[in-house]
Amino acid sequence: MSTMQITTNHQPRDLISAFELNTAQYNKLRKEFDYLDDQDFDSSMFFEYKGQIYCLADFVRLDSYIPGNWQGVMNHTYFSGILVKIVDSCQSVIVASYCS
């Protein structure tokens, strides 16, 4: 059985609402997340991690225990992805990459 390697710097990353963006940023992000309808996009929260923007709604809530009390996961492959933990009264997330 392999063990899961979790890597994080524990740095909180601000969650950003679409309403906080200027017009150019909003339009650029809207193109990137074109699979969301307007209502879902406007109510979503976003964050940046390793130069990429992620939508918190794209993460699957974790019901199983992963060391570190991670709350959500986005798989990149069967063996790797990123984990999130919501902190600061839902104002930011701590992000980690994992592989097993």
N, C-alpha and C. Protein backbone atom coordinates (compact mmCIF):
# COMPACT_ATOMS: atom_id res chain seq x y z
N MET A 1 0.84 -1.19 0.00
CA MET A 1 0.00 0.00 0.00
C MET A 1 0.88 1.24 0.00
N SER A 2 0.63 2.15 -0.90
CA SER A 2 1.43 3.37 -0.96
C SER A 2 0.85 4.42 -0.02
N THR A 3 1.69 5.35 0.36
CA THR A 3 1.24 6.43 1.23
C THR A 3 1.03 7.69 0.40
N MET A 4 0.16 8.53 0.87
CA MET A 4 -0.14 9.78 0.16
C MET A 4 0.85 10.85 0.61
N GLN A 5 1.48 11.50 -0.35
CA GLN A 5 2.39 12.61 -0.08
C GLN A 5 1.62 13.92 -0.28
N ILE A 6 1.50 14.70 0.78
CA ILE A 6 0.79 15.98 0.72
C ILE A 6 1.81 17.10 0.92
N THR A 7 1.81 18.06 -0.01
CA THR A 7 2.76 19.17 0.04
C THR A 7 2.01 20.50 0.08
N THR A 8 2.28 21.30 1.10
CA THR A 8 1.66 22.62 1.22
C THR A 8 2.59 23.56 1.98
N ASN A 9 2.42 24.85 1.73
CA ASN A 9 3.16 25.84 2.52
C ASN A 9 2.25 26.49 3.55
N HIS A 10 1.02 26.02 3.65
CA HIS A 10 0.03 26.50 4.64
C HIS A 10 -0.29 27.99 4.48
N GLN A 11 -0.06 28.53 3.30
CA GLN A 11 -0.32 29.95 3.03
C GLN A 11 -1.80 30.13 2.65
N PRO A 12 -2.55 30.91 3.42
CA PRO A 12 -3.94 31.17 3.03
C PRO A 12 -3.98 31.98 1.73
N ARG A 13 -4.84 31.59 0.84
CA ARG A 13 -5.03 32.27 -0.44
C ARG A 13 -6.45 32.84 -0.46
N ASP A 14 -6.54 34.12 -0.78
CA ASP A 14 -7.84 34.79 -0.75
C ASP A 14 -8.82 34.17 -1.73
N LEU A 15 -10.05 34.01 -1.28
CA LEU A 15 -11.14 33.64 -2.18
C LEU A 15 -11.68 34.93 -2.79
N ILE A 16 -11.87 34.92 -4.09
CA ILE A 16 -12.28 36.12 -4.82
C ILE A 16 -13.60 35.86 -5.51
N SER A 17 -14.52 36.76 -5.34
CA SER A 17 -15.81 36.70 -6.02
C SER A 17 -15.69 37.40 -7.38
N ALA A 18 -16.49 36.98 -8.33
CA ALA A 18 -16.48 37.61 -9.65
C ALA A 18 -16.80 39.11 -9.54
N PHE A 19 -17.56 39.49 -8.54
CA PHE A 19 -17.93 40.89 -8.38
C PHE A 19 -16.77 41.78 -7.95
N GLU A 20 -15.69 41.17 -7.46
CA GLU A 20 -14.53 41.93 -7.01
C GLU A 20 -13.56 42.24 -8.14
N LEU A 21 -13.82 41.74 -9.33
CA LEU A 21 -12.91 41.90 -10.46
C LEU A 21 -13.27 43.13 -11.28
N ASN A 22 -12.25 43.73 -11.90
CA ASN A 22 -12.56 44.80 -12.84
C ASN A 22 -13.08 44.15 -14.13
N THR A 23 -13.54 44.94 -15.07
CA THR A 23 -14.18 44.43 -16.28
C THR A 23 -13.27 43.51 -17.08
N ALA A 24 -12.01 43.90 -17.26
CA ALA A 24 -11.08 43.07 -18.03
C ALA A 24 -10.83 41.73 -17.35
N GLN A 25 -10.62 41.75 -16.03
CA GLN A 25 -10.41 40.51 -15.28
C GLN A 25 -11.66 39.62 -15.33
N TYR A 26 -12.82 40.24 -15.17
CA TYR A 26 -14.08 39.50 -15.20
C TYR A 26 -14.25 38.79 -16.55
N ASN A 27 -14.03 39.52 -17.64
CA ASN A 27 -14.21 38.95 -18.98
C ASN A 27 -13.22 37.81 -19.24
N LYS A 28 -11.98 37.99 -18.80
CA LYS A 28 -10.97 36.94 -18.98
C LYS A 28 -11.35 35.69 -18.20
N LEU A 29 -11.75 35.86 -16.95
CA LEU A 29 -12.13 34.72 -16.11
C LEU A 29 -13.42 34.07 -16.63
N ARG A 30 -14.32 34.88 -17.15
CA ARG A 30 -15.59 34.34 -17.67
C ARG A 30 -15.32 33.42 -18.85
N LYS A 31 -14.35 33.79 -19.71
CA LYS A 31 -13.99 32.93 -20.84
C LYS A 31 -13.40 31.61 -20.37
N GLU A 32 -12.56 31.69 -19.32
CA GLU A 32 -11.91 30.48 -18.81
C GLU A 32 -12.92 29.51 -18.20
N PHE A 33 -13.95 30.04 -17.56
CA PHE A 33 -14.96 29.21 -16.91
C PHE A 33 -16.28 29.29 -17.67
N ASP A 34 -16.22 29.15 -18.98
CA ASP A 34 -17.40 29.27 -19.83
C ASP A 34 -18.41 28.13 -19.63
N TYR A 35 -18.02 27.07 -18.97
CA TYR A 35 -18.94 25.96 -18.71
C TYR A 35 -19.93 26.28 -17.59
N LEU A 36 -19.66 27.34 -16.81
CA LEU A 36 -20.60 27.78 -15.78
C LEU A 36 -21.63 28.72 -16.40
N ASP A 37 -22.90 28.55 -16.03
CA ASP A 37 -23.87 29.53 -16.51
C ASP A 37 -23.65 30.84 -15.73
N ASP A 38 -24.30 31.91 -16.18
CA ASP A 38 -24.05 33.24 -15.59
C ASP A 38 -24.31 33.27 -14.09
N GLN A 39 -25.39 32.65 -13.66
CA GLN A 39 -25.74 32.67 -12.23
C GLN A 39 -24.69 31.91 -11.41
N ASP A 40 -24.28 30.73 -11.88
CA ASP A 40 -23.26 29.97 -11.16
C ASP A 40 -21.92 30.69 -11.14
N PHE A 41 -21.55 31.30 -12.26
CA PHE A 41 -20.29 32.04 -12.31
C PHE A 41 -20.30 33.21 -11.32
N ASP A 42 -21.38 33.98 -11.33
CA ASP A 42 -21.44 35.15 -10.46
C ASP A 42 -21.48 34.80 -8.97
N SER A 43 -21.92 33.59 -8.63
CA SER A 43 -21.97 33.19 -7.23
C SER A 43 -20.77 32.35 -6.80
N SER A 44 -19.86 32.06 -7.72
CA SER A 44 -18.70 31.22 -7.41
C SER A 44 -17.57 32.02 -6.77
N MET A 45 -16.72 31.28 -6.06
CA MET A 45 -15.52 31.86 -5.46
C MET A 45 -14.31 31.25 -6.15
N PHE A 46 -13.28 32.06 -6.38
CA PHE A 46 -12.09 31.64 -7.12
C PHE A 46 -10.85 31.91 -6.28
N PHE A 47 -9.77 31.17 -6.59
CA PHE A 47 -8.48 31.43 -5.97
C PHE A 47 -7.38 31.04 -6.94
N GLU A 48 -6.20 31.60 -6.70
CA GLU A 48 -5.05 31.31 -7.55
C GLU A 48 -4.09 30.40 -6.81
N TYR A 49 -3.59 29.39 -7.53
CA TYR A 49 -2.62 28.45 -6.96
C TYR A 49 -1.66 28.05 -8.06
N LYS A 50 -0.38 28.29 -7.83
CA LYS A 50 0.68 27.97 -8.79
C LYS A 50 0.39 28.54 -10.18
N GLY A 51 -0.06 29.79 -10.21
CA GLY A 51 -0.28 30.49 -11.47
C GLY A 51 -1.56 30.13 -12.19
N GLN A 52 -2.40 29.30 -11.62
CA GLN A 52 -3.66 28.92 -12.25
C GLN A 52 -4.83 29.33 -11.36
N ILE A 53 -5.92 29.74 -12.00
CA ILE A 53 -7.13 30.11 -11.27
C ILE A 53 -8.02 28.87 -11.15
N TYR A 54 -8.54 28.65 -9.94
CA TYR A 54 -9.44 27.53 -9.67
C TYR A 54 -10.77 28.06 -9.16
N CYS A 55 -11.84 27.35 -9.49
CA CYS A 55 -13.16 27.66 -8.98
C CYS A 55 -13.44 26.69 -7.84
N LEU A 56 -13.76 27.21 -6.68
CA LEU A 56 -14.00 26.37 -5.51
C LEU A 56 -15.14 25.38 -5.76
N ALA A 57 -16.09 25.74 -6.58
CA ALA A 57 -17.23 24.86 -6.87
C ALA A 57 -16.82 23.62 -7.66
N ASP A 58 -15.63 23.62 -8.25
CA ASP A 58 -15.15 22.47 -9.01
C ASP A 58 -14.56 21.37 -8.12
N PHE A 59 -14.43 21.66 -6.84
CA PHE A 59 -13.86 20.68 -5.91
C PHE A 59 -14.95 19.79 -5.35
N VAL A 60 -14.60 18.55 -5.12
CA VAL A 60 -15.52 17.57 -4.54
C VAL A 60 -15.30 17.55 -3.04
N ARG A 61 -16.39 17.64 -2.31
CA ARG A 61 -16.30 17.62 -0.84
C ARG A 61 -15.84 16.24 -0.38
N LEU A 62 -14.90 16.24 0.57
CA LEU A 62 -14.37 14.99 1.09
C LEU A 62 -15.16 14.54 2.31
N ASP A 63 -15.63 13.31 2.27
CA ASP A 63 -16.27 12.71 3.43
C ASP A 63 -15.32 11.77 4.16
N SER A 64 -14.30 11.32 3.45
CA SER A 64 -13.34 10.41 4.07
C SER A 64 -12.22 11.22 4.71
N TYR A 65 -11.53 10.58 5.62
CA TYR A 65 -10.46 11.26 6.35
C TYR A 65 -9.16 11.26 5.56
N ILE A 66 -8.61 12.43 5.38
CA ILE A 66 -7.27 12.59 4.82
C ILE A 66 -6.50 13.39 5.87
N PRO A 67 -5.32 12.94 6.25
CA PRO A 67 -4.56 13.67 7.27
C PRO A 67 -4.47 15.17 6.97
N GLY A 68 -4.79 16.00 7.94
CA GLY A 68 -4.74 17.44 7.77
C GLY A 68 -6.12 18.06 7.68
N ASN A 69 -7.16 17.25 7.78
CA ASN A 69 -8.55 17.73 7.74
C ASN A 69 -8.89 18.51 6.47
N TRP A 70 -8.45 18.03 5.33
CA TRP A 70 -8.75 18.67 4.05
C TRP A 70 -10.23 18.49 3.74
N GLN A 71 -10.85 19.50 3.14
CA GLN A 71 -12.28 19.51 2.93
C GLN A 71 -12.72 19.25 1.50
N GLY A 72 -11.82 19.47 0.54
CA GLY A 72 -12.19 19.29 -0.86
C GLY A 72 -11.02 18.79 -1.68
N VAL A 73 -11.33 18.15 -2.81
CA VAL A 73 -10.29 17.59 -3.67
C VAL A 73 -10.65 17.83 -5.13
N MET A 74 -9.62 18.07 -5.93
CA MET A 74 -9.74 18.10 -7.38
C MET A 74 -8.65 17.17 -7.91
N ASN A 75 -9.08 16.10 -8.54
CA ASN A 75 -8.12 15.13 -9.07
C ASN A 75 -7.57 15.62 -10.40
N HIS A 76 -6.25 15.51 -10.55
CA HIS A 76 -5.62 15.77 -11.85
C HIS A 76 -5.41 14.46 -12.58
N THR A 77 -5.02 13.43 -11.84
CA THR A 77 -4.89 12.07 -12.36
C THR A 77 -5.49 11.14 -11.31
N TYR A 78 -5.44 9.85 -11.55
CA TYR A 78 -5.94 8.89 -10.57
C TYR A 78 -5.13 8.95 -9.28
N PHE A 79 -3.88 9.36 -9.37
CA PHE A 79 -2.98 9.35 -8.23
C PHE A 79 -2.56 10.74 -7.74
N SER A 80 -3.05 11.81 -8.34
CA SER A 80 -2.59 13.14 -7.94
C SER A 80 -3.69 14.18 -8.12
N GLY A 81 -3.48 15.31 -7.45
CA GLY A 81 -4.44 16.41 -7.54
C GLY A 81 -4.13 17.47 -6.51
N ILE A 82 -5.15 18.27 -6.18
CA ILE A 82 -4.97 19.28 -5.14
C ILE A 82 -6.08 19.17 -4.11
N LEU A 83 -5.75 19.58 -2.91
CA LEU A 83 -6.66 19.56 -1.77
C LEU A 83 -6.88 20.99 -1.30
N VAL A 84 -8.05 21.27 -0.74
CA VAL A 84 -8.32 22.59 -0.17
C VAL A 84 -8.91 22.45 1.22
N LYS A 85 -8.63 23.48 2.02
CA LYS A 85 -9.19 23.62 3.35
C LYS A 85 -9.65 25.06 3.49
N ILE A 86 -10.92 25.28 3.77
CA ILE A 86 -11.46 26.64 3.89
C ILE A 86 -11.13 27.17 5.28
N VAL A 87 -10.59 28.40 5.33
CA VAL A 87 -10.17 29.01 6.59
C VAL A 87 -10.62 30.47 6.64
N ASP A 88 -10.33 31.12 7.75
CA ASP A 88 -10.61 32.56 7.93
C ASP A 88 -12.06 32.91 7.65
N SER A 89 -12.98 32.17 8.26
CA SER A 89 -14.42 32.43 8.11
C SER A 89 -14.83 32.46 6.64
N CYS A 90 -14.33 31.50 5.89
CA CYS A 90 -14.65 31.33 4.46
C CYS A 90 -14.11 32.46 3.58
N GLN A 91 -13.07 33.15 4.04
CA GLN A 91 -12.46 34.22 3.28
C GLN A 91 -11.26 33.75 2.46
N SER A 92 -10.68 32.59 2.83
CA SER A 92 -9.50 32.08 2.14
C SER A 92 -9.45 30.56 2.20
N VAL A 93 -8.52 30.02 1.43
CA VAL A 93 -8.29 28.57 1.40
C VAL A 93 -6.80 28.30 1.57
N ILE A 94 -6.51 27.17 2.17
CA ILE A 94 -5.15 26.64 2.18
C ILE A 94 -5.17 25.51 1.16
N VAL A 95 -4.17 25.49 0.30
CA VAL A 95 -4.14 24.55 -0.81
C VAL A 95 -2.91 23.65 -0.69
N ALA A 96 -3.07 22.39 -1.08
CA ALA A 96 -1.96 21.43 -1.08
C ALA A 96 -2.04 20.60 -2.34
N SER A 97 -0.90 20.13 -2.79
CA SER A 97 -0.88 19.15 -3.87
C SER A 97 -0.65 17.79 -3.22
N TYR A 98 -1.16 16.75 -3.86
CA TYR A 98 -0.96 15.42 -3.31
C TYR A 98 -0.63 14.44 -4.43
N CYS A 99 0.03 13.37 -4.07
CA CYS A 99 0.25 12.25 -4.98
C CYS A 99 0.41 11.00 -4.13
N SER A 100 0.09 9.89 -4.72
CA SER A 100 0.23 8.62 -3.99
C SER A 100 0.84 7.58 -4.88
